[in-house]
Amino acid sequence: MGLVTWKLYFALRALIEREEGQDLVEYALIVALIALAATAGMGVLANAINSAFAHLGSLLGSYT
């Protein structure tokens, strides 16, 4: 039982110490942060465009 435990320990330790997957995780976090910022920015931009068109519609409606 001790040999199996040591093999499992060394296998898990080798898996934890691998650094190849860290770059992928960092890039995924950056992409998620950019997507979150873009989503928040689009909400503000959509409200501004909506109010601009509403204002333009009310101006054009007053000329009829």
Protein backbone atom coordinates (compact mmCIF):
# COMPACT_ATOMS: atom_id res chain seq x y z
CA MET A 1 0.00 0.00 0.00
CA GLY A 2 2.87 2.37 0.69
CA LEU A 3 4.30 2.07 -2.83
CA VAL A 4 0.97 2.92 -4.45
CA THR A 5 0.59 5.92 -2.17
CA TRP A 6 4.06 7.20 -3.07
CA LYS A 7 3.38 6.73 -6.79
CA LEU A 8 0.13 8.64 -6.45
CA TYR A 9 1.88 11.36 -4.45
CA PHE A 10 4.62 11.81 -7.06
CA ALA A 11 2.11 11.74 -9.92
CA LEU A 12 0.00 14.45 -8.30
CA ARG A 13 3.07 16.49 -7.44
CA ALA A 14 4.31 16.32 -11.04
CA LEU A 15 0.86 17.36 -12.24
CA ILE A 16 0.74 20.33 -9.88
CA GLU A 17 4.26 21.51 -10.75
CA ARG A 18 3.60 21.60 -14.48
CA GLU A 19 3.53 25.19 -15.71
CA GLU A 20 2.32 24.63 -19.25
CA GLY A 21 -1.34 25.20 -18.42
CA GLN A 22 -0.75 28.45 -16.54
CA ASP A 23 -0.46 30.51 -19.72
CA LEU A 24 -3.78 29.20 -20.97
CA VAL A 25 -5.48 30.07 -17.69
CA GLU A 26 -3.98 33.57 -17.71
CA TYR A 27 -5.15 34.19 -21.27
CA ALA A 28 -8.61 32.90 -20.42
CA LEU A 29 -8.82 35.28 -17.45
CA ILE A 30 -7.75 38.21 -19.62
CA VAL A 31 -10.33 37.34 -22.27
CA ALA A 32 -13.03 37.03 -19.61
CA LEU A 33 -12.11 40.42 -18.16
CA ILE A 34 -12.20 42.06 -21.60
CA ALA A 35 -15.56 40.43 -22.34
CA LEU A 36 -16.96 41.67 -19.03
CA ALA A 37 -15.73 45.22 -19.67
CA ALA A 38 -17.11 45.18 -23.23
CA THR A 39 -20.48 43.94 -22.00
CA ALA A 40 -20.68 46.67 -19.38
CA GLY A 41 -19.57 49.28 -21.90
CA MET A 42 -22.12 48.16 -24.47
CA GLY A 43 -24.93 48.66 -21.96
CA VAL A 44 -23.91 52.26 -21.35
CA LEU A 45 -23.41 52.88 -25.07
CA ALA A 46 -26.80 51.37 -25.91
CA ASN A 47 -28.53 53.67 -23.43
CA ALA A 48 -26.74 56.72 -24.86
CA ILE A 49 -27.68 55.80 -28.43
CA ASN A 50 -31.27 55.13 -27.40
CA SER A 51 -31.61 58.51 -25.72
CA ALA A 52 -29.99 60.27 -28.70
CA PHE A 53 -32.49 58.68 -31.11
CA ALA A 54 -35.38 59.50 -28.78
CA HIS A 55 -34.26 63.12 -28.66
CA LEU A 56 -33.85 63.21 -32.44
CA GLY A 57 -37.30 61.64 -32.86
CA SER A 58 -38.90 64.24 -30.62
CA LEU A 59 -37.18 67.05 -32.56
CA LEU A 60 -38.33 65.69 -35.90
CA GLY A 61 -41.83 65.07 -34.55
CA SER A 62 -42.16 68.69 -33.55
CA TYR A 63 -41.75 69.83 -37.19
CA THR A 64 -44.85 68.02 -38.44
